[in-house]
PDB file of all heavy atoms in Angstrom:
ATOM      1  N   PRO A   1      95.254 103.937  99.848  1.00  0.00           N
ATOM      2  CA  PRO A   1      96.057 105.092 100.029  1.00  0.00           C
ATOM      3  C   PRO A   1      96.288 105.573 101.425  1.00  0.00           C
ATOM      4  O   PRO A   1      95.315 105.614 102.298  1.00  0.00           O
ATOM      5  CB  PRO A   1      95.271 106.211  99.301  1.00  0.00           C
ATOM      6  CG  PRO A   1      94.465 105.553  98.355  1.00  0.00           C
ATOM      7  CD  PRO A   1      94.172 104.195  98.983  1.00  0.00           C
ATOM      8  N   GLY A   2      97.529 105.744 101.843  1.00  0.00           N
ATOM      9  CA  GLY A   2      97.701 105.986 103.298  1.00  0.00           C
ATOM     10  C   GLY A   2      97.865 104.857 104.140  1.00  0.00           C
ATOM     11  O   GLY A   2      98.058 104.898 105.358  1.00  0.00           O
ATOM     12  N   GLY A   3      97.563 103.671 103.582  1.00  0.00           N
ATOM     13  CA  GLY A   3      97.454 102.485 104.339  1.00  0.00           C
ATOM     14  C   GLY A   3      98.710 101.512 104.126  1.00  0.00           C
ATOM     15  O   GLY A   3      98.599 100.265 104.393  1.00  0.00           O
ATOM     16  N   ILE A   4      99.701 102.145 103.567  1.00  0.00           N
ATOM     17  CA  ILE A   4     100.994 101.293 103.412  1.00  0.00           C
ATOM     18  C   ILE A   4     102.151 102.054 103.983  1.00  0.00           C
ATOM     19  O   ILE A   4     102.034 103.260 104.257  1.00  0.00           O
ATOM     20  CB  ILE A   4     101.260 100.892 101.839  1.00  0.00           C
ATOM     21  CG1 ILE A   4     101.472 102.215 101.176  1.00  0.00           C
ATOM     22  CG2 ILE A   4     100.134 100.064 101.430  1.00  0.00           C
ATOM     23  CD1 ILE A   4     101.824 101.895  99.668  1.00  0.00           C
ATOM     24  N   PRO A   5     103.224 101.440 104.470  1.00  0.00           N
ATOM     25  CA  PRO A   5     104.287 102.121 104.990  1.00  0.00           C
ATOM     26  C   PRO A   5     105.134 103.075 104.029  1.00  0.00           C
ATOM     27  O   PRO A   5     105.071 102.865 102.918  1.00  0.00           O
ATOM     28  CB  PRO A   5     105.342 100.894 105.568  1.00  0.00           C
ATOM     29  CG  PRO A   5     104.507  99.777 105.446  1.00  0.00           C
ATOM     30  CD  PRO A   5     103.492  99.941 104.460  1.00  0.00           C
ATOM     31  N   VAL A   6     105.641 104.059 104.700  1.00  0.00           N
ATOM     32  CA  VAL A   6     106.489 105.101 103.853  1.00  0.00           C
ATOM     33  C   VAL A   6     107.618 104.238 103.100  1.00  0.00           C
ATOM     34  O   VAL A   6     108.264 103.505 103.790  1.00  0.00           O
ATOM     35  CB  VAL A   6     106.986 106.136 104.821  1.00  0.00           C
ATOM     36  CG1 VAL A   6     107.974 107.106 103.891  1.00  0.00           C
ATOM     37  CG2 VAL A   6     105.810 106.970 105.427  1.00  0.00           C
ATOM     38  N   GLY A   7     107.672 104.536 101.862  1.00  0.00           N
ATOM     39  CA  GLY A   7     108.719 103.852 101.166  1.00  0.00           C
ATOM     40  C   GLY A   7     108.297 102.638 100.416  1.00  0.00           C
ATOM     41  O   GLY A   7     109.040 102.188  99.541  1.00  0.00           O
ATOM     42  N   ALA A   8     107.151 102.121 100.727  1.00  0.00           N
ATOM     43  CA  ALA A   8     106.613 100.882 100.157  1.00  0.00           C
ATOM     44  C   ALA A   8     105.963 101.301  98.738  1.00  0.00           C
ATOM     45  O   ALA A   8     105.398 102.354  98.764  1.00  0.00           O
ATOM     46  CB  ALA A   8     105.602 100.109 100.984  1.00  0.00           C
ATOM     47  N   ALA A   9     106.032 100.421  97.733  1.00  0.00           N
ATOM     48  CA  ALA A   9     105.464 100.705  96.485  1.00  0.00           C
ATOM     49  C   ALA A   9     103.898 100.314  96.613  1.00  0.00           C
ATOM     50  O   ALA A   9     103.520  99.433  97.220  1.00  0.00           O
ATOM     51  CB  ALA A   9     106.059  99.793  95.417  1.00  0.00           C
ATOM     52  N   SER A  10     103.176 101.202  96.007  1.00  0.00           N
ATOM     53  CA  SER A  10     101.610 101.021  95.933  1.00  0.00           C
ATOM     54  C   SER A  10     101.385 100.104  94.787  1.00  0.00           C
ATOM     55  O   SER A  10     102.237  99.882  93.881  1.00  0.00           O
ATOM     56  CB  SER A  10     100.859 102.293  95.700  1.00  0.00           C
ATOM     57  OG  SER A  10     101.346 102.939  94.532  1.00  0.00           O
ATOM     58  N   TRP A  11     100.096  99.485  94.772  1.00  0.00           N
ATOM     59  CA  TRP A  11      99.745  98.628  93.611  1.00  0.00           C
ATOM     60  C   TRP A  11      98.335  98.738  93.288  1.00  0.00           C
ATOM     61  O   TRP A  11      97.431  99.165  94.198  1.00  0.00           O
ATOM     62  CB  TRP A  11     100.223  97.178  93.957  1.00  0.00           C
ATOM     63  CG  TRP A  11      99.361  96.571  95.102  1.00  0.00           C
ATOM     64  CD1 TRP A  11      98.164  95.753  94.871  1.00  0.00           C
ATOM     65  CD2 TRP A  11      99.529  96.574  96.465  1.00  0.00           C
ATOM     66  NE1 TRP A  11      97.718  95.328  96.028  1.00  0.00           N
ATOM     67  CE2 TRP A  11      98.595  95.829  97.052  1.00  0.00           C
ATOM     68  CE3 TRP A  11     100.580  97.189  97.278  1.00  0.00           C
ATOM     69  CZ2 TRP A  11      98.468  95.712  98.448  1.00  0.00           C
ATOM     70  CZ3 TRP A  11     100.366  97.029  98.543  1.00  0.00           C
ATOM     71  CH2 TRP A  11      99.275  96.239  99.231  1.00  0.00           C
ATOM     72  N   ASP A  12      97.947  98.393  92.005  1.00  0.00           N
ATOM     73  CA  ASP A  12      96.460  98.398  91.581  1.00  0.00           C
ATOM     74  C   ASP A  12      96.476  97.456  90.443  1.00  0.00           C
ATOM     75  O   ASP A  12      96.929  97.699  89.526  1.00  0.00           O
ATOM     76  CB  ASP A  12      96.130  99.738  91.344  1.00  0.00           C
ATOM     77  CG  ASP A  12      94.525  99.893  90.795  1.00  0.00           C
ATOM     78  OD1 ASP A  12      93.901  98.892  91.244  1.00  0.00           O
ATOM     79  OD2 ASP A  12      94.231 100.806  90.198  1.00  0.00           O
ATOM     80  N   ALA A  13      95.921  96.151  90.653  1.00  0.00           N
ATOM     81  CA  ALA A  13      95.818  95.224  89.662  1.00  0.00           C
ATOM     82  C   ALA A  13      94.570  94.445  89.546  1.00  0.00           C
ATOM     83  O   ALA A  13      94.042  94.283  90.714  1.00  0.00           O
ATOM     84  CB  ALA A  13      97.037  94.122  89.884  1.00  0.00           C
ATOM     85  N   PRO A  14      94.085  94.278  88.435  1.00  0.00           N
ATOM     86  CA  PRO A  14      92.823  93.504  88.211  1.00  0.00           C
ATOM     87  C   PRO A  14      92.937  91.960  88.597  1.00  0.00           C
ATOM     88  O   PRO A  14      94.013  91.492  88.308  1.00  0.00           O
ATOM     89  CB  PRO A  14      92.432  93.799  86.786  1.00  0.00           C
ATOM     90  CG  PRO A  14      93.650  94.017  86.136  1.00  0.00           C
ATOM     91  CD  PRO A  14      94.570  94.631  87.147  1.00  0.00           C
ATOM     92  N   ILE A  15      91.934  91.464  89.183  1.00  0.00           N
ATOM     93  CA  ILE A  15      91.947  90.063  89.362  1.00  0.00           C
ATOM     94  C   ILE A  15      90.624  89.484  88.723  1.00  0.00           C
ATOM     95  O   ILE A  15      89.499  89.603  89.251  1.00  0.00           O
ATOM     96  CB  ILE A  15      91.958  89.639  90.883  1.00  0.00           C
ATOM     97  CG1 ILE A  15      93.343  90.265  91.609  1.00  0.00           C
ATOM     98  CG2 ILE A  15      92.023  88.072  91.078  1.00  0.00           C
ATOM     99  CD1 ILE A  15      94.521  89.710  90.986  1.00  0.00           C
ATOM    100  N   THR A  16      90.683  88.967  87.543  1.00  0.00           N
ATOM    101  CA  THR A  16      89.564  88.480  86.795  1.00  0.00           C
ATOM    102  C   THR A  16      89.750  87.294  86.113  1.00  0.00           C
ATOM    103  O   THR A  16      90.926  86.626  86.222  1.00  0.00           O
ATOM    104  CB  THR A  16      89.267  89.628  85.704  1.00  0.00           C
ATOM    105  OG1 THR A  16      90.302  89.568  84.706  1.00  0.00           O
ATOM    106  CG2 THR A  16      89.105  91.087  86.217  1.00  0.00           C
ATOM    107  N   SER A  17      88.837  86.675  85.373  1.00  0.00           N
ATOM    108  CA  SER A  17      88.947  85.461  84.748  1.00  0.00           C
ATOM    109  C   SER A  17      89.984  85.502  83.692  1.00  0.00           C
ATOM    110  O   SER A  17      90.456  84.592  83.279  1.00  0.00           O
ATOM    111  CB  SER A  17      87.639  85.008  84.172  1.00  0.00           C
ATOM    112  OG  SER A  17      87.137  85.961  83.369  1.00  0.00           O
ATOM    113  N   SER A  18      90.347  86.671  83.173  1.00  0.00           N
ATOM    114  CA  SER A  18      91.343  86.785  82.121  1.00  0.00           C
ATOM    115  C   SER A  18      92.673  87.239  82.661  1.00  0.00           C
ATOM    116  O   SER A  18      93.638  87.030  81.992  1.00  0.00           O
ATOM    117  CB  SER A  18      90.747  87.852  81.075  1.00  0.00           C
ATOM    118  OG  SER A  18      90.625  89.102  81.607  1.00  0.00           O
ATOM    119  N   GLN A  19      92.709  87.850  83.839  1.00  0.00           N
ATOM    120  CA  GLN A  19      93.939  88.147  84.541  1.00  0.00           C
ATOM    121  C   GLN A  19      93.836  87.550  85.880  1.00  0.00           C
ATOM    122  O   GLN A  19      93.360  88.244  86.804  1.00  0.00           O
ATOM    123  CB  GLN A  19      94.124  89.637  84.573  1.00  0.00           C
ATOM    124  CG  GLN A  19      95.624  89.978  84.977  1.00  0.00           C
ATOM    125  CD  GLN A  19      95.901  91.351  84.776  1.00  0.00           C
ATOM    126  OE1 GLN A  19      95.539  92.012  83.724  1.00  0.00           O
ATOM    127  NE2 GLN A  19      96.742  91.992  85.607  1.00  0.00           N
ATOM    128  N   THR A  20      94.329  86.360  86.012  1.00  0.00           N
ATOM    129  CA  THR A  20      93.891  85.538  87.199  1.00  0.00           C
ATOM    130  C   THR A  20      94.818  85.697  88.498  1.00  0.00           C
ATOM    131  O   THR A  20      94.564  85.050  89.380  1.00  0.00           O
ATOM    132  CB  THR A  20      93.869  84.118  86.816  1.00  0.00           C
ATOM    133  OG1 THR A  20      95.126  83.673  86.224  1.00  0.00           O
ATOM    134  CG2 THR A  20      92.811  83.807  85.732  1.00  0.00           C
ATOM    135  N   SER A  21      95.971  86.387  88.304  1.00  0.00           N
ATOM    136  CA  SER A  21      96.839  86.434  89.464  1.00  0.00           C
ATOM    137  C   SER A  21      97.616  87.844  89.426  1.00  0.00           C
ATOM    138  O   SER A  21      97.852  88.420  88.351  1.00  0.00           O
ATOM    139  CB  SER A  21      97.795  85.223  89.585  1.00  0.00           C
ATOM    140  OG  SER A  21      98.564  85.368  88.453  1.00  0.00           O
ATOM    141  N   PHE A  22      98.153  88.184  90.581  1.00  0.00           N
ATOM    142  CA  PHE A  22      99.071  89.306  90.703  1.00  0.00           C
ATOM    143  C   PHE A  22      99.917  89.183  91.857  1.00  0.00           C
ATOM    144  O   PHE A  22      99.490  88.581  92.892  1.00  0.00           O
ATOM    145  CB  PHE A  22      98.214  90.628  90.978  1.00  0.00           C
ATOM    146  CG  PHE A  22      99.142  91.798  91.249  1.00  0.00           C
ATOM    147  CD1 PHE A  22      99.956  92.494  90.256  1.00  0.00           C
ATOM    148  CD2 PHE A  22      99.153  92.206  92.525  1.00  0.00           C
ATOM    149  CE1 PHE A  22     100.773  93.453  90.588  1.00  0.00           C
ATOM    150  CE2 PHE A  22      99.884  93.415  92.850  1.00  0.00           C
ATOM    151  CZ  PHE A  22     100.774  93.954  91.894  1.00  0.00           C
ATOM    152  N   GLU A  23     101.180  89.415  91.782  1.00  0.00           N
ATOM    153  CA  GLU A  23     102.137  89.177  92.888  1.00  0.00           C
ATOM    154  C   GLU A  23     102.813  90.595  93.392  1.00  0.00           C
ATOM    155  O   GLU A  23     103.086  91.449  92.458  1.00  0.00           O
ATOM    156  CB  GLU A  23     103.345  88.261  92.475  1.00  0.00           C
ATOM    157  CG  GLU A  23     102.807  86.860  92.197  1.00  0.00           C
ATOM    158  CD  GLU A  23     103.949  85.937  92.063  1.00  0.00           C
ATOM    159  OE1 GLU A  23     105.080  86.444  91.891  1.00  0.00           O
ATOM    160  OE2 GLU A  23     103.744  84.647  91.884  1.00  0.00           O
ATOM    161  N   TYR A  24     102.921  90.645  94.576  1.00  0.00           N
ATOM    162  CA  TYR A  24     103.587  91.856  95.186  1.00  0.00           C
ATOM    163  C   TYR A  24     104.737  91.390  96.211  1.00  0.00           C
ATOM    164  O   TYR A  24     104.507  90.682  97.114  1.00  0.00           O
ATOM    165  CB  TYR A  24     102.605  92.770  95.930  1.00  0.00           C
ATOM    166  CG  TYR A  24     103.119  93.933  96.646  1.00  0.00           C
ATOM    167  CD1 TYR A  24     103.316  95.150  95.805  1.00  0.00           C
ATOM    168  CD2 TYR A  24     103.393  93.882  97.964  1.00  0.00           C
ATOM    169  CE1 TYR A  24     103.756  96.346  96.500  1.00  0.00           C
ATOM    170  CE2 TYR A  24     103.899  95.030  98.493  1.00  0.00           C
ATOM    171  CZ  TYR A  24     104.132  96.303  97.828  1.00  0.00           C
ATOM    172  OH  TYR A  24     104.546  97.323  98.428  1.00  0.00           O
ATOM    173  N   LYS A  25     105.928  91.857  95.976  1.00  0.00           N
ATOM    174  CA  LYS A  25     107.092  91.645  96.823  1.00  0.00           C
ATOM    175  C   LYS A  25     107.128  92.638  97.952  1.00  0.00           C
ATOM    176  O   LYS A  25     107.271  93.748  97.521  1.00  0.00           O
ATOM    177  CB  LYS A  25     108.392  91.477  96.070  1.00  0.00           C
ATOM    178  CG  LYS A  25     109.505  90.913  96.975  1.00  0.00           C
ATOM    179  CD  LYS A  25     110.764  90.608  96.134  1.00  0.00           C
ATOM    180  CE  LYS A  25     111.963  90.035  97.045  1.00  0.00           C
ATOM    181  NZ  LYS A  25     113.040  89.754  96.228  1.00  0.00           N
ATOM    182  N   VAL A  26     107.191  92.132  99.113  1.00  0.00           N
ATOM    183  CA  VAL A  26     107.261  93.066 100.237  1.00  0.00           C
ATOM    184  C   VAL A  26     108.725  93.429 100.552  1.00  0.00           C
ATOM    185  O   VAL A  26     109.606  92.607 100.765  1.00  0.00           O
ATOM    186  CB  VAL A  26     106.802  92.422 101.468  1.00  0.00           C
ATOM    187  CG1 VAL A  26     106.704  93.410 102.676  1.00  0.00           C
ATOM    188  CG2 VAL A  26     105.234  91.944 101.318  1.00  0.00           C
ATOM    189  N   THR A  27     108.928  94.751 100.427  1.00  0.00           N
ATOM    190  CA  THR A  27     110.423  95.284 100.696  1.00  0.00           C
ATOM    191  C   THR A  27     110.487  96.190 101.929  1.00  0.00           C
ATOM    192  O   THR A  27     111.684  96.442 102.230  1.00  0.00           O
ATOM    193  CB  THR A  27     110.734  96.099  99.442  1.00  0.00           C
ATOM    194  OG1 THR A  27     109.948  97.175  99.269  1.00  0.00           O
ATOM    195  CG2 THR A  27     110.801  95.263  98.213  1.00  0.00           C
ATOM    196  N   VAL A  28     109.388  96.611 102.541  1.00  0.00           N
ATOM    197  CA  VAL A  28     109.304  97.575 103.668  1.00  0.00           C
ATOM    198  C   VAL A  28     108.593  96.965 104.724  1.00  0.00           C
ATOM    199  O   VAL A  28     107.380  96.457 104.546  1.00  0.00           O
ATOM    200  CB  VAL A  28     108.876  98.932 103.274  1.00  0.00           C
ATOM    201  CG1 VAL A  28     108.964  99.882 104.412  1.00  0.00           C
ATOM    202  CG2 VAL A  28     109.687  99.495 102.082  1.00  0.00           C
ATOM    203  N   ALA A  29     109.043  96.827 105.959  1.00  0.00           N
ATOM    204  CA  ALA A  29     108.402  96.425 107.067  1.00  0.00           C
ATOM    205  C   ALA A  29     107.215  97.367 107.497  1.00  0.00           C
ATOM    206  O   ALA A  29     107.295  98.648 107.318  1.00  0.00           O
ATOM    207  CB  ALA A  29     109.263  96.219 108.242  1.00  0.00           C
ATOM    208  N   GLY A  30     106.176  96.837 108.021  1.00  0.00           N
ATOM    209  CA  GLY A  30     104.986  97.753 108.516  1.00  0.00           C
ATOM    210  C   GLY A  30     103.647  97.097 108.148  1.00  0.00           C
ATOM    211  O   GLY A  30     103.613  95.871 107.769  1.00  0.00           O
ATOM    212  N   SER A  31     102.545  97.803 108.313  1.00  0.00           N
ATOM    213  CA  SER A  31     101.270  97.340 108.154  1.00  0.00           C
ATOM    214  C   SER A  31     100.718  97.880 106.873  1.00  0.00           C
ATOM    215  O   SER A  31     100.878  99.028 106.399  1.00  0.00           O
ATOM    216  CB  SER A  31     100.278  97.837 109.303  1.00  0.00           C
ATOM    217  OG  SER A  31     100.648  97.350 110.532  1.00  0.00           O
ATOM    218  N   TYR A  32     100.058  96.894 105.992  1.00  0.00           N
ATOM    219  CA  TYR A  32      99.409  97.208 104.720  1.00  0.00           C
ATOM    220  C   TYR A  32      98.008  96.958 104.720  1.00  0.00           C
ATOM    221  O   TYR A  32      97.505  96.023 105.302  1.00  0.00           O
ATOM    222  CB  TYR A  32     100.234  96.410 103.633  1.00  0.00           C
ATOM    223  CG  TYR A  32     101.654  96.538 103.445  1.00  0.00           C
ATOM    224  CD1 TYR A  32     102.501  96.141 104.450  1.00  0.00           C
ATOM    225  CD2 TYR A  32     102.176  97.150 102.303  1.00  0.00           C
ATOM    226  CE1 TYR A  32     103.871  96.300 104.234  1.00  0.00           C
ATOM    227  CE2 TYR A  32     103.483  97.342 102.090  1.00  0.00           C
ATOM    228  CZ  TYR A  32     104.380  96.883 102.981  1.00  0.00           C
ATOM    229  OH  TYR A  32     105.688  97.135 102.921  1.00  0.00           O
ATOM    230  N   SER A  33      97.168  97.675 104.089  1.00  0.00           N
ATOM    231  CA  SER A  33      95.794  97.534 103.812  1.00  0.00           C
ATOM    232  C   SER A  33      95.494  97.637 102.346  1.00  0.00           C
ATOM    233  O   SER A  33      96.044  98.551 101.816  1.00  0.00           O
ATOM    234  CB  SER A  33      94.979  98.445 104.747  1.00  0.00           C
ATOM    235  OG  SER A  33      95.086  99.755 104.454  1.00  0.00           O
ATOM    236  N   TYR A  34      94.452  96.868 101.882  1.00  0.00           N
ATOM    237  CA  TYR A  34      94.212  96.976 100.501  1.00  0.00           C
ATOM    238  C   TYR A  34      92.727  96.694 100.318  1.00  0.00           C
ATOM    239  O   TYR A  34      92.015  96.072 101.204  1.00  0.00           O
ATOM    240  CB  TYR A  34      95.046  96.078  99.590  1.00  0.00           C
ATOM    241  CG  TYR A  34      94.929  94.542 100.137  1.00  0.00           C
ATOM    242  CD1 TYR A  34      93.999  93.710  99.354  1.00  0.00           C
ATOM    243  CD2 TYR A  34      95.764  94.032 101.060  1.00  0.00           C
ATOM    244  CE1 TYR A  34      93.889  92.318  99.716  1.00  0.00           C
ATOM    245  CE2 TYR A  34      95.544  92.723 101.414  1.00  0.00           C
ATOM    246  CZ  TYR A  34      94.630  91.910 100.757  1.00  0.00           C
ATOM    247  OH  TYR A  34      94.534  90.638 101.164  1.00  0.00           O
ATOM    248  N   VAL A  35      92.118  96.947  99.164  1.00  0.00           N
ATOM    249  CA  VAL A  35      90.796  96.755  98.814  1.00  0.00           C
ATOM    250  C   VAL A  35      90.430  96.241  97.475  1.00  0.00           C
ATOM    251  O   VAL A  35      91.372  96.314  96.621  1.00  0.00           O
ATOM    252  CB  VAL A  35      89.846  98.068  99.105  1.00  0.00           C
ATOM    253  CG1 VAL A  35      89.916  98.509 100.452  1.00  0.00           C
ATOM    254  CG2 VAL A  35      90.452  99.161  98.138  1.00  0.00           C
ATOM    255  N   CYS A  36      89.278  95.747  97.196  1.00  0.00           N
ATOM    256  CA  CYS A  36      88.756  95.611  95.863  1.00  0.00           C
ATOM    257  C   CYS A  36      88.050  96.752  95.525  1.00  0.00           C
ATOM    258  O   CYS A  36      87.073  97.078  96.156  1.00  0.00           O
ATOM    259  CB  CYS A  36      87.902  94.308  95.773  1.00  0.00           C
ATOM    260  SG  CYS A  36      87.046  94.172  94.198  1.00  0.00           S
ATOM    261  N   THR A  37      88.529  97.547  94.465  1.00  0.00           N
ATOM    262  CA  THR A  37      87.930  98.860  94.271  1.00  0.00           C
ATOM    263  C   THR A  37      86.491  98.761  93.947  1.00  0.00           C
ATOM    264  O   THR A  37      85.759  99.613  94.508  1.00  0.00           O
ATOM    265  CB  THR A  37      88.689  99.449  92.905  1.00  0.00           C
ATOM    266  OG1 THR A  37      90.078  99.592  93.337  1.00  0.00           O
ATOM    267  CG2 THR A  37      88.126 100.926  92.733  1.00  0.00           C
ATOM    268  N   PRO A  38      85.960  97.816  93.110  1.00  0.00           N
ATOM    269  CA  PRO A  38      84.421  97.914  92.886  1.00  0.00           C
ATOM    270  C   PRO A  38      83.633  97.487  94.169  1.00  0.00           C
ATOM    271  O   PRO A  38      82.462  97.764  94.245  1.00  0.00           O
ATOM    272  CB  PRO A  38      84.292  96.845  91.766  1.00  0.00           C
ATOM    273  CG  PRO A  38      85.587  96.713  91.177  1.00  0.00           C
ATOM    274  CD  PRO A  38      86.573  96.862  92.358  1.00  0.00           C
ATOM    275  N   HIS A  39      84.184  96.844  95.121  1.00  0.00           N
ATOM    276  CA  HIS A  39      83.479  96.294  96.223  1.00  0.00           C
ATOM    277  C   HIS A  39      83.942  96.783  97.557  1.00  0.00           C
ATOM    278  O   HIS A  39      83.707  96.246  98.572  1.00  0.00           O
ATOM    279  CB  HIS A  39      83.416  94.728  96.285  1.00  0.00           C
ATOM    280  CG  HIS A  39      83.039  94.183  94.939  1.00  0.00           C
ATOM    281  ND1 HIS A  39      83.865  93.454  94.177  1.00  0.00           N
ATOM    282  CD2 HIS A  39      81.761  94.210  94.302  1.00  0.00           C
ATOM    283  CE1 HIS A  39      83.184  93.062  93.044  1.00  0.00           C
ATOM    284  NE2 HIS A  39      81.932  93.508  93.211  1.00  0.00           N
TER     285      HIS A  39
END
């Protein structure tokens, strides 16, 4: 939160053995930061 450019879509997706991938298309220029919520 607060770590993506204004106008960019936020995301929150699990990456596990049962859901092994997630894709995010970049539509807004700027700096992005993200985390693994449990860690």
